[in-house]
Amino acid sequence: MGTKDPNTIGLLGQEILEETRNKGVVLALYEALSSRDVDKVQKLLASDLEWWFHGPPSHQFLMRILTGTANSDHYFFKFIPQSIDAFGSTVLVEGCDPDRSITWVHAWTVNDGIITQVREYFNTSLTVTRLDNNNNCPSSDLSSIAPSRHCPSLWESSLPNRVGKSVPGLVLAL
């Protein structure tokens, strides 16, 4: 029976703890959005939140909510997470509207308990991969990745397949 390196176990435990904390921050944000708790939302988001959007312009619901332009219930889109996963500082959340006609994925970046970035995808199939030296995919120069090289997928959105739509696909490299 071999012994495990306590440093390896410690680093893995720290990573799991960080990911659990980051998920908690993001889930707290969804709860604050749902209850329209502006003070809590402001405490969870960086004042200079970086926001990136991919989808139809009419689906920029999160921006309208965060900027206060979604003041009517008619325009208030309810984000109900159906799955949540974390990879270090990145937290991926997937959901859809009650009619299952709109699917969304949010990729949040959490640093020290504050959300600093969101990448928002609507009616888009998202695949997340990690580009680093550990899986032989260079992180600095994406153009040097030969077509035969494979960077393993960490996560793939599943809701577009369940809704029965053909949607564009994107890759998010961490």
N, C-alpha and C. Protein backbone atom coordinates (compact mmCIF):
# COMPACT_ATOMS: atom_id res chain seq x y z
N MET A 1 0.84 -1.17 0.00
CA MET A 1 0.00 0.00 0.00
C MET A 1 0.88 1.24 0.00
N GLY A 2 0.76 2.09 -1.04
CA GLY A 2 1.59 3.28 -1.15
C GLY A 2 1.02 4.43 -0.33
N THR A 3 1.90 5.35 -0.02
CA THR A 3 1.45 6.54 0.69
C THR A 3 1.30 7.68 -0.31
N LYS A 4 0.37 8.54 -0.06
CA LYS A 4 0.12 9.69 -0.94
C LYS A 4 0.88 10.88 -0.42
N ASP A 5 1.36 11.68 -1.34
CA ASP A 5 2.09 12.89 -1.00
C ASP A 5 1.12 13.88 -0.35
N PRO A 6 1.38 14.27 0.92
CA PRO A 6 0.47 15.19 1.60
C PRO A 6 0.37 16.55 0.90
N ASN A 7 1.45 16.99 0.22
CA ASN A 7 1.38 18.27 -0.50
C ASN A 7 0.39 18.20 -1.66
N THR A 8 0.38 17.07 -2.36
CA THR A 8 -0.56 16.90 -3.47
C THR A 8 -1.98 16.89 -2.96
N ILE A 9 -2.22 16.17 -1.89
CA ILE A 9 -3.56 16.13 -1.31
C ILE A 9 -3.97 17.52 -0.83
N GLY A 10 -3.04 18.25 -0.23
CA GLY A 10 -3.34 19.59 0.24
C GLY A 10 -3.70 20.54 -0.88
N LEU A 11 -2.96 20.48 -1.99
CA LEU A 11 -3.25 21.35 -3.13
C LEU A 11 -4.59 21.00 -3.75
N LEU A 12 -4.87 19.72 -3.88
CA LEU A 12 -6.15 19.30 -4.44
C LEU A 12 -7.29 19.73 -3.52
N GLY A 13 -7.11 19.58 -2.22
CA GLY A 13 -8.13 20.01 -1.27
C GLY A 13 -8.37 21.51 -1.33
N GLN A 14 -7.28 22.28 -1.49
CA GLN A 14 -7.42 23.73 -1.60
C GLN A 14 -8.18 24.11 -2.87
N GLU A 15 -7.89 23.41 -3.97
CA GLU A 15 -8.58 23.70 -5.23
C GLU A 15 -10.07 23.38 -5.12
N ILE A 16 -10.39 22.27 -4.49
CA ILE A 16 -11.80 21.90 -4.30
C ILE A 16 -12.50 22.92 -3.42
N LEU A 17 -11.82 23.36 -2.37
CA LEU A 17 -12.39 24.37 -1.47
C LEU A 17 -12.62 25.69 -2.22
N GLU A 18 -11.64 26.11 -3.04
CA GLU A 18 -11.78 27.34 -3.82
C GLU A 18 -12.96 27.23 -4.78
N GLU A 19 -13.07 26.10 -5.47
CA GLU A 19 -14.17 25.92 -6.42
C GLU A 19 -15.52 25.92 -5.71
N THR A 20 -15.58 25.32 -4.54
CA THR A 20 -16.83 25.30 -3.76
C THR A 20 -17.21 26.71 -3.34
N ARG A 21 -16.22 27.48 -2.88
CA ARG A 21 -16.47 28.88 -2.50
C ARG A 21 -16.95 29.69 -3.70
N ASN A 22 -16.29 29.51 -4.83
CA ASN A 22 -16.65 30.26 -6.03
C ASN A 22 -18.06 29.92 -6.50
N LYS A 23 -18.42 28.65 -6.43
CA LYS A 23 -19.81 28.26 -6.77
C LYS A 23 -20.79 28.96 -5.83
N GLY A 24 -20.45 29.02 -4.54
CA GLY A 24 -21.31 29.67 -3.56
C GLY A 24 -21.51 31.14 -3.86
N VAL A 25 -20.45 31.83 -4.30
CA VAL A 25 -20.55 33.24 -4.65
C VAL A 25 -21.52 33.42 -5.82
N VAL A 26 -21.36 32.57 -6.84
CA VAL A 26 -22.20 32.68 -8.04
C VAL A 26 -23.65 32.32 -7.71
N LEU A 27 -23.86 31.28 -6.92
CA LEU A 27 -25.24 30.94 -6.54
C LEU A 27 -25.88 32.05 -5.72
N ALA A 28 -25.08 32.70 -4.86
CA ALA A 28 -25.60 33.84 -4.09
C ALA A 28 -26.01 34.97 -5.02
N LEU A 29 -25.27 35.15 -6.11
CA LEU A 29 -25.65 36.19 -7.08
C LEU A 29 -26.99 35.86 -7.73
N TYR A 30 -27.19 34.61 -8.14
CA TYR A 30 -28.48 34.24 -8.75
C TYR A 30 -29.63 34.43 -7.76
N GLU A 31 -29.39 34.10 -6.50
CA GLU A 31 -30.43 34.31 -5.48
C GLU A 31 -30.73 35.80 -5.32
N ALA A 32 -29.68 36.63 -5.31
CA ALA A 32 -29.88 38.08 -5.18
C ALA A 32 -30.60 38.65 -6.41
N LEU A 33 -30.26 38.14 -7.59
CA LEU A 33 -30.95 38.59 -8.81
C LEU A 33 -32.42 38.20 -8.76
N SER A 34 -32.68 36.98 -8.31
CA SER A 34 -34.06 36.48 -8.25
C SER A 34 -34.91 37.29 -7.27
N SER A 35 -34.31 37.66 -6.14
CA SER A 35 -35.04 38.43 -5.14
C SER A 35 -34.91 39.94 -5.35
N ARG A 36 -34.17 40.32 -6.38
CA ARG A 36 -33.94 41.73 -6.71
C ARG A 36 -33.28 42.50 -5.57
N ASP A 37 -32.33 41.83 -4.92
CA ASP A 37 -31.58 42.43 -3.82
C ASP A 37 -30.37 43.18 -4.39
N VAL A 38 -30.57 44.43 -4.72
CA VAL A 38 -29.56 45.26 -5.38
C VAL A 38 -28.29 45.38 -4.54
N ASP A 39 -28.44 45.56 -3.23
CA ASP A 39 -27.27 45.70 -2.36
C ASP A 39 -26.39 44.46 -2.41
N LYS A 40 -27.00 43.30 -2.35
CA LYS A 40 -26.22 42.05 -2.38
C LYS A 40 -25.56 41.86 -3.74
N VAL A 41 -26.28 42.17 -4.82
CA VAL A 41 -25.70 42.08 -6.16
C VAL A 41 -24.46 42.95 -6.24
N GLN A 42 -24.55 44.19 -5.75
CA GLN A 42 -23.42 45.11 -5.81
C GLN A 42 -22.24 44.62 -4.99
N LYS A 43 -22.49 43.93 -3.89
CA LYS A 43 -21.41 43.41 -3.06
C LYS A 43 -20.70 42.22 -3.72
N LEU A 44 -21.41 41.50 -4.57
CA LEU A 44 -20.85 40.31 -5.20
C LEU A 44 -20.11 40.60 -6.51
N LEU A 45 -20.43 41.73 -7.14
CA LEU A 45 -19.84 42.07 -8.44
C LEU A 45 -18.79 43.16 -8.30
N ALA A 46 -17.71 43.03 -9.06
CA ALA A 46 -16.71 44.09 -9.12
C ALA A 46 -17.34 45.31 -9.77
N SER A 47 -16.94 46.48 -9.34
CA SER A 47 -17.51 47.71 -9.90
C SER A 47 -17.15 47.87 -11.38
N ASP A 48 -16.06 47.24 -11.80
CA ASP A 48 -15.66 47.30 -13.20
C ASP A 48 -15.82 45.92 -13.86
N LEU A 49 -16.95 45.29 -13.61
CA LEU A 49 -17.24 43.96 -14.15
C LEU A 49 -17.01 43.93 -15.65
N GLU A 50 -16.23 42.94 -16.10
CA GLU A 50 -16.02 42.76 -17.53
C GLU A 50 -17.11 41.83 -18.03
N TRP A 51 -17.83 42.26 -19.04
CA TRP A 51 -18.97 41.49 -19.55
C TRP A 51 -18.79 41.25 -21.03
N TRP A 52 -18.98 39.99 -21.44
CA TRP A 52 -18.86 39.61 -22.84
C TRP A 52 -20.13 38.86 -23.20
N PHE A 53 -20.71 39.14 -24.35
CA PHE A 53 -22.00 38.56 -24.73
C PHE A 53 -21.94 37.93 -26.10
N HIS A 54 -22.52 36.73 -26.23
CA HIS A 54 -22.69 36.09 -27.53
C HIS A 54 -24.13 35.60 -27.64
N GLY A 55 -24.85 36.17 -28.58
CA GLY A 55 -26.24 35.76 -28.78
C GLY A 55 -27.02 36.90 -29.42
N PRO A 56 -28.31 36.70 -29.60
CA PRO A 56 -29.13 37.75 -30.19
C PRO A 56 -29.17 38.98 -29.27
N PRO A 57 -29.02 40.18 -29.82
CA PRO A 57 -29.05 41.40 -28.99
C PRO A 57 -30.31 41.50 -28.12
N SER A 58 -31.41 40.96 -28.59
CA SER A 58 -32.65 41.03 -27.81
C SER A 58 -32.58 40.19 -26.53
N HIS A 59 -31.56 39.34 -26.42
CA HIS A 59 -31.42 38.46 -25.25
C HIS A 59 -30.41 38.99 -24.23
N GLN A 60 -30.11 40.26 -24.26
CA GLN A 60 -29.15 40.82 -23.30
C GLN A 60 -29.86 41.12 -21.97
N PHE A 61 -30.52 40.11 -21.44
CA PHE A 61 -31.33 40.25 -20.22
C PHE A 61 -30.47 40.60 -19.01
N LEU A 62 -29.32 39.93 -18.86
CA LEU A 62 -28.48 40.16 -17.70
C LEU A 62 -27.98 41.61 -17.66
N MET A 63 -27.56 42.13 -18.81
CA MET A 63 -27.11 43.52 -18.85
C MET A 63 -28.24 44.45 -18.42
N ARG A 64 -29.46 44.20 -18.91
CA ARG A 64 -30.60 45.05 -18.55
C ARG A 64 -30.88 44.97 -17.05
N ILE A 65 -30.77 43.78 -16.49
CA ILE A 65 -31.01 43.62 -15.06
C ILE A 65 -29.94 44.37 -14.26
N LEU A 66 -28.67 44.19 -14.64
CA LEU A 66 -27.57 44.79 -13.88
C LEU A 66 -27.49 46.30 -14.04
N THR A 67 -27.97 46.82 -15.16
CA THR A 67 -27.94 48.27 -15.36
C THR A 67 -29.23 48.95 -14.93
N GLY A 68 -30.24 48.15 -14.53
CA GLY A 68 -31.49 48.73 -14.05
C GLY A 68 -32.46 49.12 -15.15
N THR A 69 -32.19 48.71 -16.39
CA THR A 69 -33.11 49.05 -17.47
C THR A 69 -34.20 48.00 -17.64
N ALA A 70 -34.15 46.93 -16.86
CA ALA A 70 -35.19 45.89 -16.89
C ALA A 70 -36.14 46.12 -15.73
N ASN A 71 -36.76 47.29 -15.69
CA ASN A 71 -37.57 47.66 -14.53
C ASN A 71 -39.00 47.15 -14.60
N SER A 72 -39.41 46.55 -15.68
CA SER A 72 -40.76 46.02 -15.80
C SER A 72 -40.73 44.51 -15.69
N ASP A 73 -41.71 43.91 -15.02
CA ASP A 73 -41.77 42.46 -14.92
C ASP A 73 -41.84 41.81 -16.30
N HIS A 74 -42.41 42.55 -17.26
CA HIS A 74 -42.53 42.02 -18.61
C HIS A 74 -41.15 41.74 -19.22
N TYR A 75 -40.16 42.55 -18.85
CA TYR A 75 -38.82 42.41 -19.42
C TYR A 75 -37.86 41.68 -18.49
N PHE A 76 -38.31 41.25 -17.35
CA PHE A 76 -37.43 40.62 -16.37
C PHE A 76 -37.29 39.14 -16.69
N PHE A 77 -36.12 38.75 -17.16
CA PHE A 77 -35.83 37.35 -17.47
C PHE A 77 -35.35 36.69 -16.20
N LYS A 78 -35.88 35.54 -15.89
CA LYS A 78 -35.51 34.85 -14.66
C LYS A 78 -34.44 33.79 -14.98
N PHE A 79 -33.26 33.98 -14.39
CA PHE A 79 -32.18 33.03 -14.56
C PHE A 79 -32.29 31.96 -13.48
N ILE A 80 -32.62 30.75 -13.89
CA ILE A 80 -32.72 29.63 -12.96
C ILE A 80 -31.66 28.60 -13.34
N PRO A 81 -30.57 28.52 -12.57
CA PRO A 81 -29.50 27.59 -12.91
C PRO A 81 -29.99 26.14 -12.89
N GLN A 82 -29.60 25.39 -13.91
CA GLN A 82 -29.93 23.97 -13.97
C GLN A 82 -28.70 23.10 -13.77
N SER A 83 -27.52 23.67 -14.00
CA SER A 83 -26.27 22.96 -13.68
C SER A 83 -25.21 24.00 -13.35
N ILE A 84 -24.29 23.61 -12.48
CA ILE A 84 -23.20 24.51 -12.10
C ILE A 84 -21.94 23.66 -11.89
N ASP A 85 -20.84 24.14 -12.48
CA ASP A 85 -19.55 23.47 -12.36
C ASP A 85 -18.49 24.54 -12.21
N ALA A 86 -17.39 24.18 -11.58
CA ALA A 86 -16.30 25.13 -11.40
C ALA A 86 -14.98 24.50 -11.80
N PHE A 87 -14.12 25.34 -12.38
CA PHE A 87 -12.77 24.96 -12.76
C PHE A 87 -11.87 26.10 -12.31
N GLY A 88 -11.33 25.98 -11.10
CA GLY A 88 -10.53 27.06 -10.54
C GLY A 88 -11.40 28.29 -10.31
N SER A 89 -10.99 29.42 -10.90
CA SER A 89 -11.73 30.66 -10.70
C SER A 89 -12.93 30.80 -11.64
N THR A 90 -13.09 29.88 -12.58
CA THR A 90 -14.19 29.94 -13.54
C THR A 90 -15.35 29.07 -13.07
N VAL A 91 -16.54 29.65 -13.02
CA VAL A 91 -17.75 28.93 -12.64
C VAL A 91 -18.70 28.97 -13.84
N LEU A 92 -19.12 27.79 -14.28
CA LEU A 92 -20.01 27.65 -15.43
C LEU A 92 -21.42 27.31 -14.95
N VAL A 93 -22.38 28.08 -15.43
CA VAL A 93 -23.78 27.86 -15.04
C VAL A 93 -24.60 27.79 -16.32
N GLU A 94 -25.49 26.79 -16.36
CA GLU A 94 -26.32 26.58 -17.55
C GLU A 94 -27.78 26.55 -17.14
N GLY A 95 -28.63 27.09 -18.00
CA GLY A 95 -30.06 27.07 -17.74
C GLY A 95 -30.85 27.38 -18.99
N CYS A 96 -32.16 27.43 -18.83
CA CYS A 96 -33.04 27.79 -19.95
C CYS A 96 -34.31 28.43 -19.40
N ASP A 97 -35.06 29.05 -20.29
CA ASP A 97 -36.31 29.66 -19.87
C ASP A 97 -37.36 28.57 -19.66
N PRO A 98 -38.47 28.88 -19.00
CA PRO A 98 -39.48 27.85 -18.71
C PRO A 98 -40.05 27.16 -19.96
N ASP A 99 -40.09 27.87 -21.08
CA ASP A 99 -40.60 27.27 -22.32
C ASP A 99 -39.55 26.43 -23.03
N ARG A 100 -38.32 26.46 -22.53
CA ARG A 100 -37.19 25.74 -23.12
C ARG A 100 -36.91 26.20 -24.55
N SER A 101 -37.22 27.47 -24.83
CA SER A 101 -36.94 28.01 -26.16
C SER A 101 -35.65 28.82 -26.17
N ILE A 102 -35.18 29.23 -24.99
CA ILE A 102 -33.95 30.01 -24.86
C ILE A 102 -33.03 29.27 -23.89
N THR A 103 -31.82 28.95 -24.36
CA THR A 103 -30.83 28.35 -23.46
C THR A 103 -29.72 29.37 -23.23
N TRP A 104 -29.09 29.28 -22.07
CA TRP A 104 -28.02 30.21 -21.74
C TRP A 104 -26.93 29.51 -20.94
N VAL A 105 -25.73 30.05 -21.08
CA VAL A 105 -24.58 29.61 -20.29
C VAL A 105 -23.88 30.88 -19.82
N HIS A 106 -23.55 30.92 -18.55
CA HIS A 106 -22.74 32.00 -17.99
C HIS A 106 -21.42 31.39 -17.53
N ALA A 107 -20.34 32.03 -17.92
CA ALA A 107 -19.01 31.65 -17.44
C ALA A 107 -18.52 32.82 -16.59
N TRP A 108 -18.57 32.65 -15.28
CA TRP A 108 -18.21 33.69 -14.32
C TRP A 108 -16.75 33.50 -13.89
N THR A 109 -16.05 34.58 -13.67
CA THR A 109 -14.71 34.53 -13.09
C THR A 109 -14.80 35.15 -11.70
N VAL A 110 -14.37 34.38 -10.70
CA VAL A 110 -14.45 34.83 -9.30
C VAL A 110 -13.03 34.95 -8.76
N ASN A 111 -12.72 36.12 -8.21
CA ASN A 111 -11.42 36.35 -7.58
C ASN A 111 -11.64 36.91 -6.18
N ASP A 112 -11.13 36.20 -5.19
CA ASP A 112 -11.24 36.63 -3.79
C ASP A 112 -12.67 36.93 -3.38
N GLY A 113 -13.62 36.09 -3.82
CA GLY A 113 -15.01 36.23 -3.42
C GLY A 113 -15.81 37.28 -4.18
N ILE A 114 -15.20 37.89 -5.20
CA ILE A 114 -15.86 38.92 -6.00
C ILE A 114 -15.89 38.46 -7.46
N ILE A 115 -17.02 38.64 -8.11
CA ILE A 115 -17.13 38.28 -9.52
C ILE A 115 -16.56 39.42 -10.34
N THR A 116 -15.54 39.11 -11.15
CA THR A 116 -14.84 40.13 -11.93
C THR A 116 -15.16 40.08 -13.42
N GLN A 117 -15.72 38.96 -13.88
CA GLN A 117 -15.99 38.81 -15.31
C GLN A 117 -17.15 37.86 -15.53
N VAL A 118 -17.93 38.13 -16.58
CA VAL A 118 -18.96 37.20 -17.01
C VAL A 118 -18.93 37.12 -18.52
N ARG A 119 -18.98 35.90 -19.01
CA ARG A 119 -19.14 35.64 -20.44
C ARG A 119 -20.50 34.98 -20.56
N GLU A 120 -21.34 35.59 -21.37
CA GLU A 120 -22.74 35.16 -21.46
C GLU A 120 -23.02 34.64 -22.87
N TYR A 121 -23.60 33.44 -22.94
CA TYR A 121 -23.89 32.80 -24.22
C TYR A 121 -25.37 32.43 -24.26
N PHE A 122 -26.06 32.86 -25.30
CA PHE A 122 -27.48 32.52 -25.48
C PHE A 122 -27.64 31.69 -26.74
N ASN A 123 -28.43 30.61 -26.62
CA ASN A 123 -28.70 29.72 -27.75
C ASN A 123 -27.41 29.38 -28.49
N THR A 124 -26.41 29.00 -27.69
CA THR A 124 -25.08 28.66 -28.19
C THR A 124 -24.60 27.42 -27.46
N SER A 125 -24.04 26.49 -28.21
CA SER A 125 -23.43 25.32 -27.61
C SER A 125 -22.00 25.70 -27.23
N LEU A 126 -21.65 25.48 -25.98
CA LEU A 126 -20.34 25.89 -25.49
C LEU A 126 -19.53 24.67 -25.06
N THR A 127 -18.28 24.62 -25.51
CA THR A 127 -17.33 23.61 -25.07
C THR A 127 -16.19 24.33 -24.38
N VAL A 128 -15.81 23.86 -23.20
CA VAL A 128 -14.73 24.48 -22.44
C VAL A 128 -13.55 23.52 -22.43
N THR A 129 -12.38 24.08 -22.73
CA THR A 129 -11.16 23.29 -22.72
C THR A 129 -10.08 24.07 -21.97
N ARG A 130 -9.09 23.37 -21.50
CA ARG A 130 -7.99 24.03 -20.80
C ARG A 130 -6.76 23.96 -21.69
N LEU A 131 -6.19 25.11 -21.97
CA LEU A 131 -4.97 25.18 -22.76
C LEU A 131 -3.82 25.49 -21.82
N ASP A 132 -2.99 24.49 -21.58
CA ASP A 132 -1.81 24.72 -20.75
C ASP A 132 -0.77 23.66 -21.07
N ASN A 133 0.37 23.75 -20.43
CA ASN A 133 1.46 22.83 -20.71
C ASN A 133 1.18 21.42 -20.22
N ASN A 134 0.27 21.25 -19.27
CA ASN A 134 0.00 19.92 -18.74
C ASN A 134 -0.66 19.00 -19.75
N ASN A 135 -1.43 19.56 -20.70
CA ASN A 135 -2.05 18.69 -21.69
C ASN A 135 -1.48 18.95 -23.08
N ASN A 136 -0.23 19.50 -23.09
CA ASN A 136 0.51 19.71 -24.33
C ASN A 136 -0.14 20.69 -25.29
N CYS A 137 -1.01 21.55 -24.80
CA CYS A 137 -1.60 22.58 -25.64
C CYS A 137 -1.04 23.91 -25.18
N PRO A 138 -0.32 24.62 -26.06
CA PRO A 138 0.29 25.88 -25.64
C PRO A 138 -0.77 26.93 -25.34
N SER A 139 -0.53 27.68 -24.27
CA SER A 139 -1.51 28.70 -23.90
C SER A 139 -1.18 30.05 -24.52
N SER A 140 0.06 30.27 -24.92
CA SER A 140 0.44 31.59 -25.40
C SER A 140 0.17 31.80 -26.88
N ASP A 141 0.25 30.77 -27.70
CA ASP A 141 0.09 30.95 -29.14
C ASP A 141 -0.86 29.90 -29.68
N LEU A 142 -2.13 30.26 -29.78
CA LEU A 142 -3.15 29.32 -30.24
C LEU A 142 -2.94 28.94 -31.70
N SER A 143 -2.27 29.78 -32.48
CA SER A 143 -2.09 29.47 -33.90
C SER A 143 -1.14 28.31 -34.11
N SER A 144 -0.35 27.97 -33.08
CA SER A 144 0.61 26.88 -33.25
C SER A 144 0.00 25.51 -32.95
N ILE A 145 -1.26 25.46 -32.57
CA ILE A 145 -1.89 24.17 -32.30
C ILE A 145 -2.16 23.48 -33.63
N ALA A 146 -1.51 22.37 -33.84
CA ALA A 146 -1.70 21.63 -35.10
C ALA A 146 -3.09 21.00 -35.09
N PRO A 147 -3.70 20.85 -36.27
CA PRO A 147 -5.05 20.25 -36.32
C PRO A 147 -5.11 18.87 -35.69
N SER A 148 -3.99 18.14 -35.68
CA SER A 148 -4.01 16.79 -35.12
C SER A 148 -3.90 16.78 -33.60
N ARG A 149 -3.51 17.90 -33.00
CA ARG A 149 -3.40 17.97 -31.54
C ARG A 149 -4.78 18.06 -30.92
N HIS A 150 -4.93 17.43 -29.79
CA HIS A 150 -6.23 17.45 -29.11
C HIS A 150 -6.09 18.05 -27.73
N CYS A 151 -6.89 19.05 -27.46
CA CYS A 151 -6.97 19.64 -26.13
C CYS A 151 -8.26 19.13 -25.52
N PRO A 152 -8.18 18.32 -24.49
CA PRO A 152 -9.38 17.67 -23.97
C PRO A 152 -10.44 18.65 -23.47
N SER A 153 -11.66 18.29 -23.72
CA SER A 153 -12.80 19.08 -23.27
C SER A 153 -13.00 18.87 -21.77
N LEU A 154 -13.19 19.98 -21.03
CA LEU A 154 -13.47 19.91 -19.61
C LEU A 154 -14.97 19.89 -19.34
N TRP A 155 -15.72 20.57 -20.22
CA TRP A 155 -17.15 20.75 -19.98
C TRP A 155 -17.83 21.05 -21.30
N GLU A 156 -19.06 20.58 -21.47
CA GLU A 156 -19.85 20.90 -22.66
C GLU A 156 -21.27 21.20 -22.24
N SER A 157 -21.83 22.24 -22.84
CA SER A 157 -23.23 22.55 -22.54
C SER A 157 -24.11 21.43 -23.07
N SER A 158 -25.21 21.19 -22.39
CA SER A 158 -26.08 20.07 -22.77
C SER A 158 -27.49 20.51 -23.14
N LEU A 159 -27.89 21.70 -22.74
CA LEU A 159 -29.28 22.10 -22.96
C LEU A 159 -29.69 22.29 -24.41
N PRO A 160 -28.83 22.85 -25.30
CA PRO A 160 -29.28 22.98 -26.69
C PRO A 160 -29.71 21.64 -27.30
N ASN A 161 -29.02 20.56 -26.93
CA ASN A 161 -29.39 19.24 -27.45
C ASN A 161 -30.76 18.81 -26.95
N ARG A 162 -31.07 19.15 -25.70
CA ARG A 162 -32.36 18.77 -25.13
C ARG A 162 -33.52 19.59 -25.69
N VAL A 163 -33.21 20.79 -26.16
CA VAL A 163 -34.26 21.66 -26.69
C VAL A 163 -34.54 21.32 -28.15
N GLY A 164 -33.64 20.56 -28.78
CA GLY A 164 -33.83 20.14 -30.16
C GLY A 164 -33.53 21.22 -31.18
N LYS A 165 -32.61 22.12 -30.84
CA LYS A 165 -32.25 23.21 -31.73
C LYS A 165 -30.87 22.98 -32.32
N SER A 166 -30.68 23.49 -33.50
CA SER A 166 -29.35 23.59 -34.07
C SER A 166 -28.85 24.98 -33.72
N VAL A 167 -27.74 25.04 -33.00
CA VAL A 167 -27.22 26.33 -32.53
C VAL A 167 -25.74 26.43 -32.86
N PRO A 168 -25.20 27.65 -32.92
CA PRO A 168 -23.76 27.78 -33.16
C PRO A 168 -22.97 27.23 -31.98
N GLY A 169 -21.78 26.77 -32.26
CA GLY A 169 -20.92 26.23 -31.21
C GLY A 169 -19.67 27.07 -31.05
N LEU A 170 -19.27 27.28 -29.81
CA LEU A 170 -18.06 28.04 -29.49
C LEU A 170 -17.20 27.24 -28.51
N VAL A 171 -15.90 27.53 -28.52
CA VAL A 171 -14.98 26.93 -27.57
C VAL A 171 -14.45 28.04 -26.68
N LEU A 172 -14.53 27.82 -25.37
CA LEU A 172 -13.96 28.73 -24.38
C LEU A 172 -12.70 28.06 -23.84
N ALA A 173 -11.56 28.69 -24.04
CA ALA A 173 -10.29 28.15 -23.56
C ALA A 173 -9.93 28.80 -22.23
N LEU A 174 -9.70 27.97 -21.23
CA LEU A 174 -9.29 28.47 -19.91
C LEU A 174 -7.79 28.40 -19.78
